[in-house]
Structures are given as structure tokens and as C-alpha cells.
Amino acid sequence: DGAGANRFFMVYAGANVAEVLRLEVYDRWGGLVFSRERFAPNVESLGWDGTWRGRSVLPGVYAYVVEVAYADGTTGRLSGGVTVVR
């Protein structure tokens, strides 16, 4: 929102997640609007800020894909939707 709350879409995880291998966000037509690889979870500023090419995206539902590396050496993949509200 404009007041600074909920400004980033981020991967929040417990100690069992060692690293976020990939976070991607797609628009409704399948266009990639955000991608980041190999970063620590729980760091808001590393997440998606709701922009694409420096401009705020339109309100709507965006698909995401997350791949994580767990502390035990295994990996996992999660996907879903995030809603942008302005």
C-alpha cells in the first residue's frame, strides 16, 4: 500500500529453508515481471515490489513460482497466486 505496509512479496520461511533458489512472478498472460535467484529468505527488500520495468503493475492476480533449498540438502517447489491491490 502507499503507506509502506505490504510493499514486497517475499518468501518467508523457518530455519529449515537454507536458501531461496528462485522466485519468479508472472502476469496473467505468462509474461515474466520479476525474477531473483539465490538469496536468503525473510529479507523483504529482496522480494518483488509490485513493479515491472520501473512502473507499478496494474491491480490483479499474478502467478508465482518459488524453488527453495532446505537445510537437509533437498529442494522444493511452490507455486500460487499473489494479488496486487492499489
PDB file of N, CA and C in Angstrom:
ATOM      1  N   ASP A   1       0.833  -1.186   0.000  1.00  0.00           N
ATOM      2  CA  ASP A   1       0.000   0.000   0.000  1.00  0.00           C
ATOM      3  C   ASP A   1       0.876   1.248   0.000  1.00  0.00           C
ATOM      4  N   GLY A   2       0.283   2.411  -0.170  1.00  0.00           N
ATOM      5  CA  GLY A   2       1.038   3.643  -0.240  1.00  0.00           C
ATOM      6  C   GLY A   2       1.700   4.044   1.060  1.00  0.00           C
ATOM      7  N   ALA A   3       1.253   3.486   2.178  1.00  0.00           N
ATOM      8  CA  ALA A   3       1.817   3.839   3.479  1.00  0.00           C
ATOM      9  C   ALA A   3       3.066   3.038   3.822  1.00  0.00           C
ATOM     10  N   GLY A   4       3.445   2.107   2.971  1.00  0.00           N
ATOM     11  CA  GLY A   4       4.653   1.334   3.214  1.00  0.00           C
ATOM     12  C   GLY A   4       4.417  -0.067   3.725  1.00  0.00           C
ATOM     13  N   ALA A   5       3.200  -0.405   4.118  1.00  0.00           N
ATOM     14  CA  ALA A   5       2.910  -1.763   4.589  1.00  0.00           C
ATOM     15  C   ALA A   5       2.693  -2.684   3.394  1.00  0.00           C
ATOM     16  N   ASN A   6       3.149  -3.908   3.512  1.00  0.00           N
ATOM     17  CA  ASN A   6       2.962  -4.918   2.456  1.00  0.00           C
ATOM     18  C   ASN A   6       3.522  -4.464   1.114  1.00  0.00           C
ATOM     19  N   ARG A   7       4.674  -3.861   1.130  1.00  0.00           N
ATOM     20  CA  ARG A   7       5.271  -3.354  -0.109  1.00  0.00           C
ATOM     21  C   ARG A   7       5.978  -4.426  -0.921  1.00  0.00           C
ATOM     22  N   PHE A   8       6.297  -5.558  -0.309  1.00  0.00           N
ATOM     23  CA  PHE A   8       7.055  -6.597  -1.010  1.00  0.00           C
ATOM     24  C   PHE A   8       6.348  -7.945  -0.906  1.00  0.00           C
ATOM     25  N   PHE A   9       6.420  -8.705  -1.998  1.00  0.00           N
ATOM     26  CA  PHE A   9       6.008 -10.105  -1.976  1.00  0.00           C
ATOM     27  C   PHE A   9       7.289 -10.893  -1.795  1.00  0.00           C
ATOM     28  N   MET A  10       7.384 -11.643  -0.706  1.00  0.00           N
ATOM     29  CA  MET A  10       8.638 -12.271  -0.329  1.00  0.00           C
ATOM     30  C   MET A  10       8.423 -13.689   0.162  1.00  0.00           C
ATOM     31  N   VAL A  11       9.490 -14.457   0.191  1.00  0.00           N
ATOM     32  CA  VAL A  11       9.462 -15.807   0.735  1.00  0.00           C
ATOM     33  C   VAL A  11       9.821 -15.725   2.214  1.00  0.00           C
ATOM     34  N   TYR A  12       8.856 -16.056   3.044  1.00  0.00           N
ATOM     35  CA  TYR A  12       9.085 -16.130   4.482  1.00  0.00           C
ATOM     36  C   TYR A  12       9.184 -17.600   4.855  1.00  0.00           C
ATOM     37  N   ALA A  13      10.214 -17.953   5.623  1.00  0.00           N
ATOM     38  CA  ALA A  13      10.449 -19.366   5.920  1.00  0.00           C
ATOM     39  C   ALA A  13      11.129 -19.524   7.272  1.00  0.00           C
ATOM     40  N   GLY A  14      11.042 -20.735   7.796  1.00  0.00           N
ATOM     41  CA  GLY A  14      11.711 -21.082   9.036  1.00  0.00           C
ATOM     42  C   GLY A  14      13.145 -21.511   8.783  1.00  0.00           C
ATOM     43  N   ALA A  15      13.772 -21.982   9.825  1.00  0.00           N
ATOM     44  CA  ALA A  15      15.183 -22.382   9.759  1.00  0.00           C
ATOM     45  C   ALA A  15      15.426 -23.572   8.839  1.00  0.00           C
ATOM     46  N   ASN A  16      14.372 -24.298   8.481  1.00  0.00           N
ATOM     47  CA  ASN A  16      14.549 -25.453   7.599  1.00  0.00           C
ATOM     48  C   ASN A  16      14.808 -25.053   6.149  1.00  0.00           C
ATOM     49  N   VAL A  17      14.616 -23.775   5.791  1.00  0.00           N
ATOM     50  CA  VAL A  17      14.915 -23.300   4.436  1.00  0.00           C
ATOM     51  C   VAL A  17      16.253 -22.580   4.472  1.00  0.00           C
ATOM     52  N   ALA A  18      17.226 -23.136   3.761  1.00  0.00           N
ATOM     53  CA  ALA A  18      18.571 -22.563   3.744  1.00  0.00           C
ATOM     54  C   ALA A  18      18.695 -21.408   2.760  1.00  0.00           C
ATOM     55  N   GLU A  19      18.014 -21.523   1.612  1.00  0.00           N
ATOM     56  CA  GLU A  19      18.171 -20.521   0.558  1.00  0.00           C
ATOM     57  C   GLU A  19      16.979 -20.573  -0.386  1.00  0.00           C
ATOM     58  N   VAL A  20      16.621 -19.421  -0.917  1.00  0.00           N
ATOM     59  CA  VAL A  20      15.638 -19.371  -1.996  1.00  0.00           C
ATOM     60  C   VAL A  20      16.431 -19.477  -3.289  1.00  0.00           C
ATOM     61  N   LEU A  21      16.197 -20.541  -4.029  1.00  0.00           N
ATOM     62  CA  LEU A  21      16.927 -20.736  -5.277  1.00  0.00           C
ATOM     63  C   LEU A  21      16.378 -19.860  -6.392  1.00  0.00           C
ATOM     64  N   ARG A  22      15.045 -19.639  -6.371  1.00  0.00           N
ATOM     65  CA  ARG A  22      14.428 -18.864  -7.440  1.00  0.00           C
ATOM     66  C   ARG A  22      13.063 -18.379  -6.984  1.00  0.00           C
ATOM     67  N   LEU A  23      12.761 -17.129  -7.291  1.00  0.00           N
ATOM     68  CA  LEU A  23      11.432 -16.564  -7.118  1.00  0.00           C
ATOM     69  C   LEU A  23      11.083 -15.862  -8.415  1.00  0.00           C
ATOM     70  N   GLU A  24       9.995 -16.275  -9.051  1.00  0.00           N
ATOM     71  CA  GLU A  24       9.541 -15.660 -10.289  1.00  0.00           C
ATOM     72  C   GLU A  24       8.080 -15.275 -10.147  1.00  0.00           C
ATOM     73  N   VAL A  25       7.726 -14.138 -10.742  1.00  0.00           N
ATOM     74  CA  VAL A  25       6.350 -13.658 -10.744  1.00  0.00           C
ATOM     75  C   VAL A  25       5.963 -13.388 -12.192  1.00  0.00           C
ATOM     76  N   TYR A  26       4.758 -13.863 -12.574  1.00  0.00           N
ATOM     77  CA  TYR A  26       4.262 -13.752 -13.945  1.00  0.00           C
ATOM     78  C   TYR A  26       2.932 -13.015 -13.984  1.00  0.00           C
ATOM     79  N   ASP A  27       2.713 -12.259 -15.057  1.00  0.00           N
ATOM     80  CA  ASP A  27       1.411 -11.622 -15.234  1.00  0.00           C
ATOM     81  C   ASP A  27       0.409 -12.642 -15.781  1.00  0.00           C
ATOM     82  N   ARG A  28      -0.818 -12.220 -15.992  1.00  0.00           N
ATOM     83  CA  ARG A  28      -1.867 -13.167 -16.391  1.00  0.00           C
ATOM     84  C   ARG A  28      -1.688 -13.733 -17.790  1.00  0.00           C
ATOM     85  N   TRP A  29      -0.817 -13.146 -18.584  1.00  0.00           N
ATOM     86  CA  TRP A  29      -0.536 -13.667 -19.928  1.00  0.00           C
ATOM     87  C   TRP A  29       0.726 -14.518 -19.948  1.00  0.00           C
ATOM     88  N   GLY A  30       1.328 -14.724 -18.791  1.00  0.00           N
ATOM     89  CA  GLY A  30       2.526 -15.552 -18.702  1.00  0.00           C
ATOM     90  C   GLY A  30       3.825 -14.791 -18.874  1.00  0.00           C
ATOM     91  N   GLY A  31       3.753 -13.464 -18.916  1.00  0.00           N
ATOM     92  CA  GLY A  31       4.962 -12.660 -19.047  1.00  0.00           C
ATOM     93  C   GLY A  31       5.679 -12.543 -17.707  1.00  0.00           C
ATOM     94  N   LEU A  32       6.963 -12.734 -17.718  1.00  0.00           N
ATOM     95  CA  LEU A  32       7.771 -12.646 -16.503  1.00  0.00           C
ATOM     96  C   LEU A  32       7.909 -11.185 -16.081  1.00  0.00           C
ATOM     97  N   VAL A  33       7.460 -10.850 -14.879  1.00  0.00           N
ATOM     98  CA  VAL A  33       7.567  -9.472 -14.392  1.00  0.00           C
ATOM     99  C   VAL A  33       8.599  -9.330 -13.273  1.00  0.00           C
ATOM    100  N   PHE A  34       9.051 -10.444 -12.692  1.00  0.00           N
ATOM    101  CA  PHE A  34      10.074 -10.398 -11.646  1.00  0.00           C
ATOM    102  C   PHE A  34      10.786 -11.729 -11.580  1.00  0.00           C
ATOM    103  N   SER A  35      12.093 -11.676 -11.363  1.00  0.00           N
ATOM    104  CA  SER A  35      12.887 -12.886 -11.170  1.00  0.00           C
ATOM    105  C   SER A  35      14.096 -12.555 -10.302  1.00  0.00           C
ATOM    106  N   ARG A  36      14.344 -13.411  -9.331  1.00  0.00           N
ATOM    107  CA  ARG A  36      15.538 -13.280  -8.497  1.00  0.00           C
ATOM    108  C   ARG A  36      15.991 -14.689  -8.147  1.00  0.00           C
ATOM    109  N   GLU A  37      17.300 -14.888  -8.102  1.00  0.00           N
ATOM    110  CA  GLU A  37      17.860 -16.200  -7.788  1.00  0.00           C
ATOM    111  C   GLU A  37      18.849 -16.118  -6.643  1.00  0.00           C
ATOM    112  N   ARG A  38      18.920 -17.214  -5.907  1.00  0.00           N
ATOM    113  CA  ARG A  38      19.910 -17.442  -4.854  1.00  0.00           C
ATOM    114  C   ARG A  38      19.995 -16.297  -3.849  1.00  0.00           C
ATOM    115  N   PHE A  39      19.028 -16.283  -2.938  1.00  0.00           N
ATOM    116  CA  PHE A  39      19.026 -15.272  -1.892  1.00  0.00           C
ATOM    117  C   PHE A  39      18.436 -15.857  -0.614  1.00  0.00           C
ATOM    118  N   ALA A  40      18.678 -15.168   0.479  1.00  0.00           N
ATOM    119  CA  ALA A  40      18.197 -15.619   1.783  1.00  0.00           C
ATOM    120  C   ALA A  40      16.703 -15.342   1.928  1.00  0.00           C
ATOM    121  N   PRO A  41      15.965 -16.250   2.561  1.00  0.00           N
ATOM    122  CA  PRO A  41      14.551 -15.965   2.833  1.00  0.00           C
ATOM    123  C   PRO A  41      14.430 -14.897   3.926  1.00  0.00           C
ATOM    124  N   ASN A  42      13.225 -14.363   4.054  1.00  0.00           N
ATOM    125  CA  ASN A  42      12.880 -13.440   5.141  1.00  0.00           C
ATOM    126  C   ASN A  42      13.512 -12.056   5.023  1.00  0.00           C
ATOM    127  N   VAL A  43      14.017 -11.691   3.856  1.00  0.00           N
ATOM    128  CA  VAL A  43      14.587 -10.358   3.630  1.00  0.00           C
ATOM    129  C   VAL A  43      13.654  -9.635   2.672  1.00  0.00           C
ATOM    130  N   GLU A  44      12.779  -8.807   3.217  1.00  0.00           N
ATOM    131  CA  GLU A  44      11.735  -8.180   2.404  1.00  0.00           C
ATOM    132  C   GLU A  44      12.268  -7.449   1.182  1.00  0.00           C
ATOM    133  N   SER A  45      13.333  -6.700   1.335  1.00  0.00           N
ATOM    134  CA  SER A  45      13.839  -5.887   0.229  1.00  0.00           C
ATOM    135  C   SER A  45      14.325  -6.716  -0.957  1.00  0.00           C
ATOM    136  N   LEU A  46      14.464  -8.028  -0.786  1.00  0.00           N
ATOM    137  CA  LEU A  46      14.867  -8.895  -1.895  1.00  0.00           C
ATOM    138  C   LEU A  46      13.666  -9.436  -2.663  1.00  0.00           C
ATOM    139  N   GLY A  47      12.480  -9.156  -2.193  1.00  0.00           N
ATOM    140  CA  GLY A  47      11.266  -9.637  -2.838  1.00  0.00           C
ATOM    141  C   GLY A  47      10.787  -8.707  -3.934  1.00  0.00           C
ATOM    142  N   TRP A  48       9.620  -9.041  -4.494  1.00  0.00           N
ATOM    143  CA  TRP A  48       9.018  -8.261  -5.572  1.00  0.00           C
ATOM    144  C   TRP A  48       8.278  -7.073  -4.984  1.00  0.00           C
ATOM    145  N   ASP A  49       8.506  -5.903  -5.541  1.00  0.00           N
ATOM    146  CA  ASP A  49       7.889  -4.680  -5.031  1.00  0.00           C
ATOM    147  C   ASP A  49       6.649  -4.252  -5.812  1.00  0.00           C
ATOM    148  N   GLY A  50       6.133  -5.111  -6.658  1.00  0.00           N
ATOM    149  CA  GLY A  50       4.913  -4.787  -7.403  1.00  0.00           C
ATOM    150  C   GLY A  50       5.143  -3.906  -8.611  1.00  0.00           C
ATOM    151  N   THR A  51       6.384  -3.886  -9.090  1.00  0.00           N
ATOM    152  CA  THR A  51       6.678  -3.089 -10.278  1.00  0.00           C
ATOM    153  C   THR A  51       7.201  -3.984 -11.398  1.00  0.00           C
ATOM    154  N   TRP A  52       7.173  -3.426 -12.590  1.00  0.00           N
ATOM    155  CA  TRP A  52       7.757  -4.073 -13.766  1.00  0.00           C
ATOM    156  C   TRP A  52       8.329  -2.962 -14.627  1.00  0.00           C
ATOM    157  N   ARG A  53       9.599  -3.082 -14.941  1.00  0.00           N
ATOM    158  CA  ARG A  53      10.305  -2.062 -15.726  1.00  0.00           C
ATOM    159  C   ARG A  53      10.174  -0.676 -15.095  1.00  0.00           C
ATOM    160  N   GLY A  54      10.229  -0.639 -13.762  1.00  0.00           N
ATOM    161  CA  GLY A  54      10.221   0.619 -13.045  1.00  0.00           C
ATOM    162  C   GLY A  54       8.857   1.260 -12.831  1.00  0.00           C
ATOM    163  N   ARG A  55       7.797   0.593 -13.259  1.00  0.00           N
ATOM    164  CA  ARG A  55       6.450   1.155 -13.107  1.00  0.00           C
ATOM    165  C   ARG A  55       5.575   0.183 -12.325  1.00  0.00           C
ATOM    166  N   SER A  56       4.640   0.732 -11.552  1.00  0.00           N
ATOM    167  CA  SER A  56       3.713  -0.111 -10.789  1.00  0.00           C
ATOM    168  C   SER A  56       2.862  -0.940 -11.733  1.00  0.00           C
ATOM    169  N   VAL A  57       2.698  -2.220 -11.395  1.00  0.00           N
ATOM    170  CA  VAL A  57       1.831  -3.078 -12.207  1.00  0.00           C
ATOM    171  C   VAL A  57       0.371  -2.759 -11.899  1.00  0.00           C
ATOM    172  N   LEU A  58      -0.506  -3.162 -12.782  1.00  0.00           N
ATOM    173  CA  LEU A  58      -1.934  -2.988 -12.564  1.00  0.00           C
ATOM    174  C   LEU A  58      -2.419  -3.930 -11.467  1.00  0.00           C
ATOM    175  N   PRO A  59      -3.446  -3.536 -10.750  1.00  0.00           N
ATOM    176  CA  PRO A  59      -4.026  -4.454  -9.766  1.00  0.00           C
ATOM    177  C   PRO A  59      -4.484  -5.739 -10.450  1.00  0.00           C
ATOM    178  N   GLY A  60      -4.373  -6.844  -9.745  1.00  0.00           N
ATOM    179  CA  GLY A  60      -4.789  -8.132 -10.284  1.00  0.00           C
ATOM    180  C   GLY A  60      -4.050  -9.265  -9.616  1.00  0.00           C
ATOM    181  N   VAL A  61      -4.251 -10.458 -10.159  1.00  0.00           N
ATOM    182  CA  VAL A  61      -3.610 -11.652  -9.628  1.00  0.00           C
ATOM    183  C   VAL A  61      -2.407 -12.000 -10.502  1.00  0.00           C
ATOM    184  N   TYR A  62      -1.287 -12.241  -9.856  1.00  0.00           N
ATOM    185  CA  TYR A  62      -0.043 -12.597 -10.526  1.00  0.00           C
ATOM    186  C   TYR A  62       0.388 -13.972 -10.024  1.00  0.00           C
ATOM    187  N   ALA A  63       0.864 -14.799 -10.929  1.00  0.00           N
ATOM    188  CA  ALA A  63       1.310 -16.150 -10.565  1.00  0.00           C
ATOM    189  C   ALA A  63       2.762 -16.100 -10.104  1.00  0.00           C
ATOM    190  N   TYR A  64       3.085 -16.963  -9.141  1.00  0.00           N
ATOM    191  CA  TYR A  64       4.478 -17.037  -8.696  1.00  0.00           C
ATOM    192  C   TYR A  64       4.942 -18.491  -8.664  1.00  0.00           C
ATOM    193  N   VAL A  65       6.253 -18.637  -8.803  1.00  0.00           N
ATOM    194  CA  VAL A  65       6.927 -19.932  -8.665  1.00  0.00           C
ATOM    195  C   VAL A  65       8.122 -19.699  -7.749  1.00  0.00           C
ATOM    196  N   VAL A  66       8.260 -20.553  -6.736  1.00  0.00           N
ATOM    197  CA  VAL A  66       9.363 -20.454  -5.785  1.00  0.00           C
ATOM    198  C   VAL A  66      10.051 -21.807  -5.705  1.00  0.00           C
ATOM    199  N   GLU A  67      11.359 -21.808  -5.795  1.00  0.00           N
ATOM    200  CA  GLU A  67      12.152 -23.010  -5.546  1.00  0.00           C
ATOM    201  C   GLU A  67      13.063 -22.706  -4.362  1.00  0.00           C
ATOM    202  N   VAL A  68      13.079 -23.611  -3.396  1.00  0.00           N
ATOM    203  CA  VAL A  68      13.898 -23.414  -2.200  1.00  0.00           C
ATOM    204  C   VAL A  68      14.822 -24.602  -1.983  1.00  0.00           C
ATOM    205  N   ALA A  69      15.929 -24.328  -1.308  1.00  0.00           N
ATOM    206  CA  ALA A  69      16.844 -25.379  -0.862  1.00  0.00           C
ATOM    207  C   ALA A  69      16.663 -25.504   0.642  1.00  0.00           C
ATOM    208  N   TYR A  70      16.361 -26.703   1.082  1.00  0.00           N
ATOM    209  CA  TYR A  70      16.176 -26.956   2.506  1.00  0.00           C
ATOM    210  C   TYR A  70      17.518 -27.240   3.171  1.00  0.00           C
ATOM    211  N   ALA A  71      17.567 -27.078   4.468  1.00  0.00           N
ATOM    212  CA  ALA A  71      18.798 -27.279   5.236  1.00  0.00           C
ATOM    213  C   ALA A  71      19.321 -28.707   5.125  1.00  0.00           C
ATOM    214  N   ASP A  72      18.431 -29.662   4.860  1.00  0.00           N
ATOM    215  CA  ASP A  72      18.860 -31.064   4.747  1.00  0.00           C
ATOM    216  C   ASP A  72      19.392 -31.420   3.360  1.00  0.00           C
ATOM    217  N   GLY A  73      19.483 -30.422   2.462  1.00  0.00           N
ATOM    218  CA  GLY A  73      20.038 -30.660   1.128  1.00  0.00           C
ATOM    219  C   GLY A  73      19.009 -30.935   0.057  1.00  0.00           C
ATOM    220  N   THR A  74      17.750 -31.119   0.413  1.00  0.00           N
ATOM    221  CA  THR A  74      16.702 -31.343  -0.584  1.00  0.00           C
ATOM    222  C   THR A  74      16.186 -29.998  -1.096  1.00  0.00           C
ATOM    223  N   THR A  75      15.418 -30.065  -2.172  1.00  0.00           N
ATOM    224  CA  THR A  75      14.819 -28.857  -2.729  1.00  0.00           C
ATOM    225  C   THR A  75      13.314 -29.038  -2.846  1.00  0.00           C
ATOM    226  N   GLY A  76      12.615 -27.937  -2.964  1.00  0.00           N
ATOM    227  CA  GLY A  76      11.168 -27.981  -3.122  1.00  0.00           C
ATOM    228  C   GLY A  76      10.699 -26.846  -4.000  1.00  0.00           C
ATOM    229  N   ARG A  77       9.509 -27.024  -4.548  1.00  0.00           N
ATOM    230  CA  ARG A  77       8.935 -26.024  -5.443  1.00  0.00           C
ATOM    231  C   ARG A  77       7.520 -25.721  -4.990  1.00  0.00           C
ATOM    232  N   LEU A  78       7.181 -24.448  -4.948  1.00  0.00           N
ATOM    233  CA  LEU A  78       5.850 -23.990  -4.580  1.00  0.00           C
ATOM    234  C   LEU A  78       5.367 -23.027  -5.653  1.00  0.00           C
ATOM    235  N   SER A  79       4.069 -22.978  -5.861  1.00  0.00           N
ATOM    236  CA  SER A  79       3.514 -22.020  -6.806  1.00  0.00           C
ATOM    237  C   SER A  79       2.131 -21.603  -6.328  1.00  0.00           C
ATOM    238  N   GLY A  80       1.684 -20.467  -6.833  1.00  0.00           N
ATOM    239  CA  GLY A  80       0.376 -19.963  -6.438  1.00  0.00           C
ATOM    240  C   GLY A  80       0.143 -18.602  -7.046  1.00  0.00           C
ATOM    241  N   GLY A  81      -0.727 -17.833  -6.397  1.00  0.00           N
ATOM    242  CA  GLY A  81      -1.045 -16.508  -6.887  1.00  0.00           C
ATOM    243  C   GLY A  81      -0.902 -15.470  -5.797  1.00  0.00           C
ATOM    244  N   VAL A  82      -0.530 -14.281  -6.186  1.00  0.00           N
ATOM    245  CA  VAL A  82      -0.444 -13.139  -5.281  1.00  0.00           C
ATOM    246  C   VAL A  82      -1.286 -12.030  -5.893  1.00  0.00           C
ATOM    247  N   THR A  83      -2.102 -11.389  -5.068  1.00  0.00           N
ATOM    248  CA  THR A  83      -2.994 -10.351  -5.544  1.00  0.00           C
ATOM    249  C   THR A  83      -2.409  -8.978  -5.229  1.00  0.00           C
ATOM    250  N   VAL A  84      -2.321  -8.141  -6.263  1.00  0.00           N
ATOM    251  CA  VAL A  84      -1.880  -6.765  -6.093  1.00  0.00           C
ATOM    252  C   VAL A  84      -3.121  -5.890  -5.986  1.00  0.00           C
ATOM    253  N   VAL A  85      -3.180  -5.111  -4.909  1.00  0.00           N
ATOM    254  CA  VAL A  85      -4.293  -4.186  -4.669  1.00  0.00           C
ATOM    255  C   VAL A  85      -3.689  -2.801  -4.498  1.00  0.00           C
ATOM    256  N   ARG A  86      -4.231  -1.842  -5.159  1.00  0.00           N
ATOM    257  CA  ARG A  86      -3.706  -0.459  -5.036  1.00  0.00           C
ATOM    258  C   ARG A  86      -4.748   0.435  -4.416  1.00  0.00           C
TER     259      ARG A  86
END
